[in-house]
Amino acid sequence: MQRSVSAQMIITIHRPIILILSAAVADSVVVESEEFAFAHEGKDVEARLVTDSNGTRLHTFNVDEGRMTLDYRALVSGLAEPAFVDELDLLTYRRQSRYCQSDELLPVAKSEFAGLRGIAMIQAVEAWVNEKLRYVPGFGRHTDGAVQTMMTRRGVCRDYAHLVIGMLRALDMPARMVSVYAPGLAPMDFHAVVEAYFDGVWYVIDATRLAPRQSFVRIATGRDAADIAFLSNYNGLLRLDKLEVMATSDEFEIEDHTALVTLR
């Protein structure tokens, strides 16, 4: 399988800033070619690369006021190895986090999924979230978490993922959030999905059911949206003027939402 992915951004920076970009595919992904082009006021700028324990590659910049362009492209050839299982991760991803309030979701999770274990529980949570929520582009605030999503019953991919994670963690199953390039997604954008751990394997779940999971390409992995944001900044102020994401694949499988799939 060969997949082509890209992201282009134009940013206006209003005062000096520390900028963090998360658009490069994870270091576990098999890359045939990769291109980076970062410029500030028309001049090339160097980024510092930081890689975390899950293979997320972050590009960081210290830049002044002005116009900045970010351009990333990669050709992904073949499949990555299954995600590494770390014992600390299994503890971390059982805990509640900023946007996945598993403690508050516990009563609902216990009521809706009583008696279920393992794969059956994963599949039941995915189907329940898909049925209960309505996908509404642009809906919600960046501060909304899983509890707010359950109350409004509407959201985008990050909201679906937060609710799935919150329910699974409430049921003591490790679950984490992953940003991906998603060939077949419409409208095209960065996409947020879930990985749930069972019996030695991280399985990918996408309750939006908007694109075939077999084609996804991992970007960032973390507890929730706070860890996988494609763009973050400190000590400054910016405006995102343009964002274009593209992902294509030379192979597509018919999605079976009950199938067990890993991010490759």
C-alpha atoms as a PDB file:
ATOM      1  CA  MET A   1       0.000   0.000   0.000  1.00  0.00           C
ATOM      2  CA  GLN A   2       1.306   3.436  -0.942  1.00  0.00           C
ATOM      3  CA  ARG A   3      -0.125   6.594   0.609  1.00  0.00           C
ATOM      4  CA  SER A   4       0.607  10.235  -0.139  1.00  0.00           C
ATOM      5  CA  VAL A   5       0.024  12.809   2.618  1.00  0.00           C
ATOM      6  CA  SER A   6       0.528  16.551   2.896  1.00  0.00           C
ATOM      7  CA  ALA A   7      -0.328  19.596   4.996  1.00  0.00           C
ATOM      8  CA  GLN A   8       0.075  23.272   4.130  1.00  0.00           C
ATOM      9  CA  MET A   9      -0.527  26.165   6.508  1.00  0.00           C
ATOM     10  CA  ILE A  10      -0.250  29.940   6.387  1.00  0.00           C
ATOM     11  CA  ILE A  11      -0.062  31.669   9.756  1.00  0.00           C
ATOM     12  CA  THR A  12       0.003  35.338  10.747  1.00  0.00           C
ATOM     13  CA  ILE A  13       2.006  35.858  13.938  1.00  0.00           C
ATOM     14  CA  HIS A  14       1.187  39.004  15.899  1.00  0.00           C
ATOM     15  CA  ARG A  15       3.987  38.885  18.461  1.00  0.00           C
ATOM     16  CA  PRO A  16       7.068  36.695  19.109  1.00  0.00           C
ATOM     17  CA  ILE A  17       6.041  33.127  19.650  1.00  0.00           C
ATOM     18  CA  ILE A  18       7.080  29.543  20.328  1.00  0.00           C
ATOM     19  CA  LEU A  19       5.295  27.464  17.700  1.00  0.00           C
ATOM     20  CA  ILE A  20       4.800  23.674  17.820  1.00  0.00           C
ATOM     21  CA  LEU A  21       3.738  21.814  14.685  1.00  0.00           C
ATOM     22  CA  SER A  22       2.468  18.223  14.693  1.00  0.00           C
ATOM     23  CA  ALA A  23       2.007  17.289  11.038  1.00  0.00           C
ATOM     24  CA  ALA A  24       4.869  14.886  10.300  1.00  0.00           C
ATOM     25  CA  VAL A  25       3.998  11.204  10.318  1.00  0.00           C
ATOM     26  CA  ALA A  26       5.155   9.274  13.385  1.00  0.00           C
ATOM     27  CA  ASP A  27       8.660   7.830  13.341  1.00  0.00           C
ATOM     28  CA  SER A  28       7.254   4.286  13.190  1.00  0.00           C
ATOM     29  CA  VAL A  29       5.753   4.969   9.750  1.00  0.00           C
ATOM     30  CA  VAL A  30       7.653   3.606   6.734  1.00  0.00           C
ATOM     31  CA  VAL A  31       8.445   6.713   4.673  1.00  0.00           C
ATOM     32  CA  GLU A  32       9.746   6.497   1.113  1.00  0.00           C
ATOM     33  CA  SER A  33      10.234  10.251   0.795  1.00  0.00           C
ATOM     34  CA  GLU A  34       9.555  13.299   2.958  1.00  0.00           C
ATOM     35  CA  GLU A  35       9.783  17.059   2.386  1.00  0.00           C
ATOM     36  CA  PHE A  36       9.675  19.984   4.807  1.00  0.00           C
ATOM     37  CA  ALA A  37       9.485  23.665   3.834  1.00  0.00           C
ATOM     38  CA  PHE A  38       9.214  26.221   6.634  1.00  0.00           C
ATOM     39  CA  ALA A  39       9.497  29.953   5.919  1.00  0.00           C
ATOM     40  CA  HIS A  40       9.023  33.194   7.851  1.00  0.00           C
ATOM     41  CA  GLU A  41       8.528  36.369   5.804  1.00  0.00           C
ATOM     42  CA  GLY A  42       9.788  34.493   2.748  1.00  0.00           C
ATOM     43  CA  LYS A  43      13.004  33.266   4.374  1.00  0.00           C
ATOM     44  CA  ASP A  44      13.649  29.639   5.249  1.00  0.00           C
ATOM     45  CA  VAL A  45      13.637  28.850   8.957  1.00  0.00           C
ATOM     46  CA  GLU A  46      15.018  25.844  10.784  1.00  0.00           C
ATOM     47  CA  ALA A  47      12.877  23.775  13.101  1.00  0.00           C
ATOM     48  CA  ARG A  48      13.964  21.785  16.129  1.00  0.00           C
ATOM     49  CA  LEU A  49      12.693  18.212  16.058  1.00  0.00           C
ATOM     50  CA  VAL A  50      11.399  16.641  19.267  1.00  0.00           C
ATOM     51  CA  THR A  51      10.239  13.009  19.311  1.00  0.00           C
ATOM     52  CA  ASP A  52       8.254  11.574  22.226  1.00  0.00           C
ATOM     53  CA  SER A  53       8.105   8.012  23.569  1.00  0.00           C
ATOM     54  CA  ASN A  54       5.186   7.111  21.269  1.00  0.00           C
ATOM     55  CA  GLY A  55       7.018   8.270  18.154  1.00  0.00           C
ATOM     56  CA  THR A  56       5.230  11.601  17.744  1.00  0.00           C
ATOM     57  CA  ARG A  57       7.506  14.040  15.900  1.00  0.00           C
ATOM     58  CA  LEU A  58       7.065  17.694  16.846  1.00  0.00           C
ATOM     59  CA  HIS A  59       8.673  20.578  14.984  1.00  0.00           C
ATOM     60  CA  THR A  60       9.222  23.651  17.160  1.00  0.00           C
ATOM     61  CA  PHE A  61      10.090  27.217  16.147  1.00  0.00           C
ATOM     62  CA  ASN A  62      10.954  30.491  17.850  1.00  0.00           C
ATOM     63  CA  VAL A  63       9.726  33.206  15.483  1.00  0.00           C
ATOM     64  CA  ASP A  64       8.903  36.925  15.488  1.00  0.00           C
ATOM     65  CA  GLU A  65       5.881  38.764  14.135  1.00  0.00           C
ATOM     66  CA  GLY A  66       5.033  38.201  10.513  1.00  0.00           C
ATOM     67  CA  ARG A  67       3.726  35.688   8.012  1.00  0.00           C
ATOM     68  CA  MET A  68       4.810  32.063   8.279  1.00  0.00           C
ATOM     69  CA  THR A  69       4.262  29.202   5.828  1.00  0.00           C
ATOM     70  CA  LEU A  70       4.498  25.528   6.749  1.00  0.00           C
ATOM     71  CA  ASP A  71       4.564  22.837   4.066  1.00  0.00           C
ATOM     72  CA  TYR A  72       4.913  19.117   4.757  1.00  0.00           C
ATOM     73  CA  ARG A  73       4.707  16.196   2.310  1.00  0.00           C
ATOM     74  CA  ALA A  74       5.450  12.500   2.599  1.00  0.00           C
ATOM     75  CA  LEU A  75       5.105   9.342   0.571  1.00  0.00           C
ATOM     76  CA  VAL A  76       4.366   6.367   2.807  1.00  0.00           C
ATOM     77  CA  SER A  77       5.300   3.004   1.352  1.00  0.00           C
ATOM     78  CA  GLY A  78       4.367  -0.281   2.971  1.00  0.00           C
ATOM     79  CA  LEU A  79       3.040  -0.853   6.470  1.00  0.00           C
ATOM     80  CA  ALA A  80       4.463   0.047   9.866  1.00  0.00           C
ATOM     81  CA  GLU A  81       5.034  -2.507  12.587  1.00  0.00           C
ATOM     82  CA  PRO A  82       2.197  -2.856  15.127  1.00  0.00           C
ATOM     83  CA  ALA A  83       2.275  -0.198  17.860  1.00  0.00           C
ATOM     84  CA  PHE A  84       4.735  -0.897  20.674  1.00  0.00           C
ATOM     85  CA  VAL A  85       3.156  -1.827  24.008  1.00  0.00           C
ATOM     86  CA  ASP A  86       4.673  -0.032  26.989  1.00  0.00           C
ATOM     87  CA  GLU A  87       3.638  -0.894  30.552  1.00  0.00           C
ATOM     88  CA  LEU A  88       3.617   2.768  31.576  1.00  0.00           C
ATOM     89  CA  ASP A  89       1.259   3.542  28.680  1.00  0.00           C
ATOM     90  CA  LEU A  90      -1.169   0.920  29.949  1.00  0.00           C
ATOM     91  CA  LEU A  91      -1.314   2.783  33.249  1.00  0.00           C
ATOM     92  CA  THR A  92      -1.407   6.289  31.747  1.00  0.00           C
ATOM     93  CA  TYR A  93      -4.180   5.535  29.287  1.00  0.00           C
ATOM     94  CA  ARG A  94      -6.451   4.079  31.963  1.00  0.00           C
ATOM     95  CA  ARG A  95      -6.540   7.382  33.834  1.00  0.00           C
ATOM     96  CA  GLN A  96      -8.966  10.238  33.288  1.00  0.00           C
ATOM     97  CA  SER A  97      -7.591  13.238  31.414  1.00  0.00           C
ATOM     98  CA  ARG A  98      -8.532  16.818  30.541  1.00  0.00           C
ATOM     99  CA  TYR A  99     -11.066  15.963  27.822  1.00  0.00           C
ATOM    100  CA  CYS A 100     -11.907  12.367  28.774  1.00  0.00           C
ATOM    101  CA  GLN A 101     -13.675  12.543  32.146  1.00  0.00           C
ATOM    102  CA  SER A 102     -13.952   8.799  32.682  1.00  0.00           C
ATOM    103  CA  ASP A 103     -14.863   9.211  36.359  1.00  0.00           C
ATOM    104  CA  GLU A 104     -17.965  11.245  35.452  1.00  0.00           C
ATOM    105  CA  LEU A 105     -18.895   8.777  32.694  1.00  0.00           C
ATOM    106  CA  LEU A 106     -18.612   5.730  34.957  1.00  0.00           C
ATOM    107  CA  PRO A 107     -22.338   5.393  35.812  1.00  0.00           C
ATOM    108  CA  VAL A 108     -23.392   5.534  32.153  1.00  0.00           C
ATOM    109  CA  ALA A 109     -20.614   3.175  31.053  1.00  0.00           C
ATOM    110  CA  LYS A 110     -21.480   0.606  33.705  1.00  0.00           C
ATOM    111  CA  SER A 111     -25.168   0.799  32.795  1.00  0.00           C
ATOM    112  CA  GLU A 112     -24.804   0.664  29.006  1.00  0.00           C
ATOM    113  CA  PHE A 113     -22.067  -1.962  28.779  1.00  0.00           C
ATOM    114  CA  ALA A 114     -22.734  -4.192  31.772  1.00  0.00           C
ATOM    115  CA  GLY A 115     -21.342  -7.697  31.406  1.00  0.00           C
ATOM    116  CA  LEU A 116     -19.198  -6.956  28.331  1.00  0.00           C
ATOM    117  CA  ARG A 117     -15.467  -7.594  28.213  1.00  0.00           C
ATOM    118  CA  GLY A 118     -12.624  -7.380  25.734  1.00  0.00           C
ATOM    119  CA  ILE A 119     -13.338  -7.100  22.026  1.00  0.00           C
ATOM    120  CA  ALA A 120     -17.094  -7.264  22.555  1.00  0.00           C
ATOM    121  CA  MET A 121     -16.868  -4.208  24.797  1.00  0.00           C
ATOM    122  CA  ILE A 122     -14.732  -2.271  22.308  1.00  0.00           C
ATOM    123  CA  GLN A 123     -17.195  -2.981  19.513  1.00  0.00           C
ATOM    124  CA  ALA A 124     -20.193  -2.118  21.677  1.00  0.00           C
ATOM    125  CA  VAL A 125     -18.736   1.255  22.737  1.00  0.00           C
ATOM    126  CA  GLU A 126     -17.853   2.143  19.122  1.00  0.00           C
ATOM    127  CA  ALA A 127     -21.365   1.275  17.917  1.00  0.00           C
ATOM    128  CA  TRP A 128     -23.025   3.128  20.814  1.00  0.00           C
ATOM    129  CA  VAL A 129     -21.085   6.348  20.205  1.00  0.00           C
ATOM    130  CA  ASN A 130     -21.736   6.134  16.462  1.00  0.00           C
ATOM    131  CA  GLU A 131     -25.465   5.733  17.092  1.00  0.00           C
ATOM    132  CA  LYS A 132     -25.801   8.388  19.803  1.00  0.00           C
ATOM    133  CA  LEU A 133     -23.831  11.210  18.170  1.00  0.00           C
ATOM    134  CA  ARG A 134     -24.497  13.239  15.046  1.00  0.00           C
ATOM    135  CA  TYR A 135     -21.506  14.483  13.085  1.00  0.00           C
ATOM    136  CA  VAL A 136     -21.796  18.273  12.681  1.00  0.00           C
ATOM    137  CA  PRO A 137     -18.801  20.027  11.040  1.00  0.00           C
ATOM    138  CA  GLY A 138     -17.676  23.047  13.019  1.00  0.00           C
ATOM    139  CA  PHE A 139     -19.797  22.184  16.051  1.00  0.00           C
ATOM    140  CA  GLY A 140     -18.504  22.570  19.588  1.00  0.00           C
ATOM    141  CA  ARG A 141     -15.818  24.486  21.418  1.00  0.00           C
ATOM    142  CA  HIS A 142     -12.179  23.545  21.824  1.00  0.00           C
ATOM    143  CA  THR A 143     -12.792  23.321  25.584  1.00  0.00           C
ATOM    144  CA  ASP A 144     -15.557  20.692  25.285  1.00  0.00           C
ATOM    145  CA  GLY A 145     -14.827  17.237  26.687  1.00  0.00           C
ATOM    146  CA  ALA A 146     -16.525  13.855  26.581  1.00  0.00           C
ATOM    147  CA  VAL A 147     -19.201  14.796  29.116  1.00  0.00           C
ATOM    148  CA  GLN A 148     -20.293  17.863  27.124  1.00  0.00           C
ATOM    149  CA  THR A 149     -20.353  15.751  23.963  1.00  0.00           C
ATOM    150  CA  MET A 150     -22.570  13.140  25.573  1.00  0.00           C
ATOM    151  CA  MET A 151     -24.979  15.878  26.636  1.00  0.00           C
ATOM    152  CA  THR A 152     -25.179  17.653  23.270  1.00  0.00           C
ATOM    153  CA  ARG A 153     -25.028  14.428  21.196  1.00  0.00           C
ATOM    154  CA  ARG A 154     -23.214  16.286  18.428  1.00  0.00           C
ATOM    155  CA  GLY A 155     -19.624  16.918  17.452  1.00  0.00           C
ATOM    156  CA  VAL A 156     -16.691  16.281  15.152  1.00  0.00           C
ATOM    157  CA  CYS A 157     -14.020  13.581  15.146  1.00  0.00           C
ATOM    158  CA  ARG A 158     -12.287  14.796  18.318  1.00  0.00           C
ATOM    159  CA  ASP A 159     -15.608  14.670  20.191  1.00  0.00           C
ATOM    160  CA  TYR A 160     -16.388  11.142  19.014  1.00  0.00           C
ATOM    161  CA  ALA A 161     -12.893  10.058  20.060  1.00  0.00           C
ATOM    162  CA  HIS A 162     -13.115  11.694  23.484  1.00  0.00           C
ATOM    163  CA  LEU A 163     -16.399   9.971  24.265  1.00  0.00           C
ATOM    164  CA  VAL A 164     -15.124   6.553  23.152  1.00  0.00           C
ATOM    165  CA  ILE A 165     -11.971   6.989  25.235  1.00  0.00           C
ATOM    166  CA  GLY A 166     -13.891   8.194  28.280  1.00  0.00           C
ATOM    167  CA  MET A 167     -16.248   5.210  28.153  1.00  0.00           C
ATOM    168  CA  LEU A 168     -13.458   2.662  27.690  1.00  0.00           C
ATOM    169  CA  ARG A 169     -11.345   4.105  30.494  1.00  0.00           C
ATOM    170  CA  ALA A 170     -14.393   4.116  32.756  1.00  0.00           C
ATOM    171  CA  LEU A 171     -14.524   0.371  32.078  1.00  0.00           C
ATOM    172  CA  ASP A 172     -10.808   0.008  32.939  1.00  0.00           C
ATOM    173  CA  MET A 173      -9.626  -0.494  29.360  1.00  0.00           C
ATOM    174  CA  PRO A 174      -6.561   1.510  28.241  1.00  0.00           C
ATOM    175  CA  ALA A 175      -7.538   3.890  25.443  1.00  0.00           C
ATOM    176  CA  ARG A 176      -5.707   6.762  23.768  1.00  0.00           C
ATOM    177  CA  MET A 177      -6.195   9.367  21.057  1.00  0.00           C
ATOM    178  CA  VAL A 178      -4.371   9.396  17.734  1.00  0.00           C
ATOM    179  CA  SER A 179      -4.244  12.022  15.008  1.00  0.00           C
ATOM    180  CA  VAL A 180      -4.005  10.527  11.518  1.00  0.00           C
ATOM    181  CA  TYR A 181      -3.956  11.292   7.849  1.00  0.00           C
ATOM    182  CA  ALA A 182      -7.119   9.598   6.557  1.00  0.00           C
ATOM    183  CA  PRO A 183      -7.335   8.809   2.835  1.00  0.00           C
ATOM    184  CA  GLY A 184     -10.997   8.735   1.834  1.00  0.00           C
ATOM    185  CA  LEU A 185     -12.084  11.274   4.458  1.00  0.00           C
ATOM    186  CA  ALA A 186     -14.525  13.949   3.272  1.00  0.00           C
ATOM    187  CA  PRO A 187     -14.163  16.797   3.864  1.00  0.00           C
ATOM    188  CA  MET A 188     -10.414  16.243   4.063  1.00  0.00           C
ATOM    189  CA  ASP A 189      -8.699  17.348   7.285  1.00  0.00           C
ATOM    190  CA  PHE A 190      -6.551  16.016  10.081  1.00  0.00           C
ATOM    191  CA  HIS A 191      -8.568  13.214  11.693  1.00  0.00           C
ATOM    192  CA  ALA A 192      -8.793  12.053  15.324  1.00  0.00           C
ATOM    193  CA  VAL A 193      -9.393   8.396  16.197  1.00  0.00           C
ATOM    194  CA  VAL A 194      -8.932   6.031  19.141  1.00  0.00           C
ATOM    195  CA  GLU A 195      -6.653   3.126  19.958  1.00  0.00           C
ATOM    196  CA  ALA A 196      -7.932   0.658  22.550  1.00  0.00           C
ATOM    197  CA  TYR A 197      -5.674  -1.940  24.128  1.00  0.00           C
ATOM    198  CA  PHE A 198      -6.630  -5.573  24.547  1.00  0.00           C
ATOM    199  CA  ASP A 199      -4.601  -8.766  24.822  1.00  0.00           C
ATOM    200  CA  GLY A 200      -1.298  -7.271  23.683  1.00  0.00           C
ATOM    201  CA  VAL A 201      -2.609  -5.207  20.762  1.00  0.00           C
ATOM    202  CA  TRP A 202      -3.647  -1.573  20.184  1.00  0.00           C
ATOM    203  CA  TYR A 203      -6.790  -1.656  17.987  1.00  0.00           C
ATOM    204  CA  VAL A 204      -7.886   1.461  16.088  1.00  0.00           C
ATOM    205  CA  ILE A 205     -11.495   2.647  16.480  1.00  0.00           C
ATOM    206  CA  ASP A 206     -13.242   5.395  14.543  1.00  0.00           C
ATOM    207  CA  ALA A 207     -16.807   5.908  15.694  1.00  0.00           C
ATOM    208  CA  THR A 208     -17.390   8.535  12.986  1.00  0.00           C
ATOM    209  CA  ARG A 209     -17.012   5.782  10.331  1.00  0.00           C
ATOM    210  CA  LEU A 210     -16.007   8.442   7.799  1.00  0.00           C
ATOM    211  CA  ALA A 211     -12.988   6.715   6.243  1.00  0.00           C
ATOM    212  CA  PRO A 212     -11.478   3.205   5.955  1.00  0.00           C
ATOM    213  CA  ARG A 213      -9.225   2.556   8.952  1.00  0.00           C
ATOM    214  CA  GLN A 214      -6.830   0.362   6.960  1.00  0.00           C
ATOM    215  CA  SER A 215      -5.513   3.435   5.130  1.00  0.00           C
ATOM    216  CA  PHE A 216      -4.879   5.656   8.186  1.00  0.00           C
ATOM    217  CA  VAL A 217      -1.370   7.016   8.769  1.00  0.00           C
ATOM    218  CA  ARG A 218      -0.330   7.817  12.351  1.00  0.00           C
ATOM    219  CA  ILE A 219       0.790  11.352  13.210  1.00  0.00           C
ATOM    220  CA  ALA A 220       0.566  11.871  16.982  1.00  0.00           C
ATOM    221  CA  THR A 221      -0.463   9.750  19.962  1.00  0.00           C
ATOM    222  CA  GLY A 222      -1.591  10.952  23.397  1.00  0.00           C
ATOM    223  CA  ARG A 223      -4.165  11.114  26.171  1.00  0.00           C
ATOM    224  CA  ASP A 224      -6.627  13.386  24.365  1.00  0.00           C
ATOM    225  CA  ALA A 225      -6.776  16.426  22.062  1.00  0.00           C
ATOM    226  CA  ALA A 226      -4.393  18.360  24.309  1.00  0.00           C
ATOM    227  CA  ASP A 227      -1.580  15.968  23.349  1.00  0.00           C
ATOM    228  CA  ILE A 228      -2.196  15.652  19.609  1.00  0.00           C
ATOM    229  CA  ALA A 229      -3.027  19.208  18.477  1.00  0.00           C
ATOM    230  CA  PHE A 230      -1.609  19.893  15.010  1.00  0.00           C
ATOM    231  CA  LEU A 231      -0.635  23.447  16.025  1.00  0.00           C
ATOM    232  CA  SER A 232       0.191  24.894  19.446  1.00  0.00           C
ATOM    233  CA  ASN A 233       1.826  28.112  20.595  1.00  0.00           C
ATOM    234  CA  TYR A 234       3.257  29.736  23.701  1.00  0.00           C
ATOM    235  CA  ASN A 235       4.052  33.324  24.691  1.00  0.00           C
ATOM    236  CA  GLY A 236       2.457  34.812  21.605  1.00  0.00           C
ATOM    237  CA  LEU A 237      -0.572  35.332  19.422  1.00  0.00           C
ATOM    238  CA  LEU A 238      -1.344  33.942  15.967  1.00  0.00           C
ATOM    239  CA  ARG A 239      -4.067  33.552  13.347  1.00  0.00           C
ATOM    240  CA  LEU A 240      -4.358  30.481  11.138  1.00  0.00           C
ATOM    241  CA  ASP A 241      -5.127  31.886   7.685  1.00  0.00           C
ATOM    242  CA  LYS A 242      -4.989  28.699   5.653  1.00  0.00           C
ATOM    243  CA  LEU A 243      -4.983  24.960   6.288  1.00  0.00           C
ATOM    244  CA  GLU A 244      -5.012  22.366   3.534  1.00  0.00           C
ATOM    245  CA  VAL A 245      -4.652  18.663   4.280  1.00  0.00           C
ATOM    246  CA  MET A 246      -4.503  15.931   1.672  1.00  0.00           C
ATOM    247  CA  ALA A 247      -4.231  12.147   1.950  1.00  0.00           C
ATOM    248  CA  THR A 248      -4.589   9.572  -0.817  1.00  0.00           C
ATOM    249  CA  SER A 249      -4.006   5.842  -1.095  1.00  0.00           C
ATOM    250  CA  ASP A 250      -3.495   3.494  -4.022  1.00  0.00           C
ATOM    251  CA  GLU A 251      -5.521   0.816  -2.198  1.00  0.00           C
ATOM    252  CA  PHE A 252      -8.845   0.950  -0.385  1.00  0.00           C
ATOM    253  CA  GLU A 253     -10.586  -1.848   1.442  1.00  0.00           C
ATOM    254  CA  ILE A 254     -14.330  -1.944   2.065  1.00  0.00           C
ATOM    255  CA  GLU A 255     -14.681  -0.921   5.677  1.00  0.00           C
ATOM    256  CA  ASP A 256     -16.099  -3.513   8.056  1.00  0.00           C
ATOM    257  CA  HIS A 257     -16.817  -1.609  11.260  1.00  0.00           C
ATOM    258  CA  THR A 258     -16.759  -4.815  13.322  1.00  0.00           C
ATOM    259  CA  ALA A 259     -13.305  -5.856  12.046  1.00  0.00           C
ATOM    260  CA  LEU A 260     -10.206  -5.671  14.236  1.00  0.00           C
ATOM    261  CA  VAL A 261      -7.772  -3.207  12.651  1.00  0.00           C
ATOM    262  CA  THR A 262      -4.394  -1.861  13.769  1.00  0.00           C
ATOM    263  CA  LEU A 263      -2.755   1.364  12.650  1.00  0.00           C
ATOM    264  CA  ARG A 264      -0.125   0.375  10.056  1.00  0.00           C
END
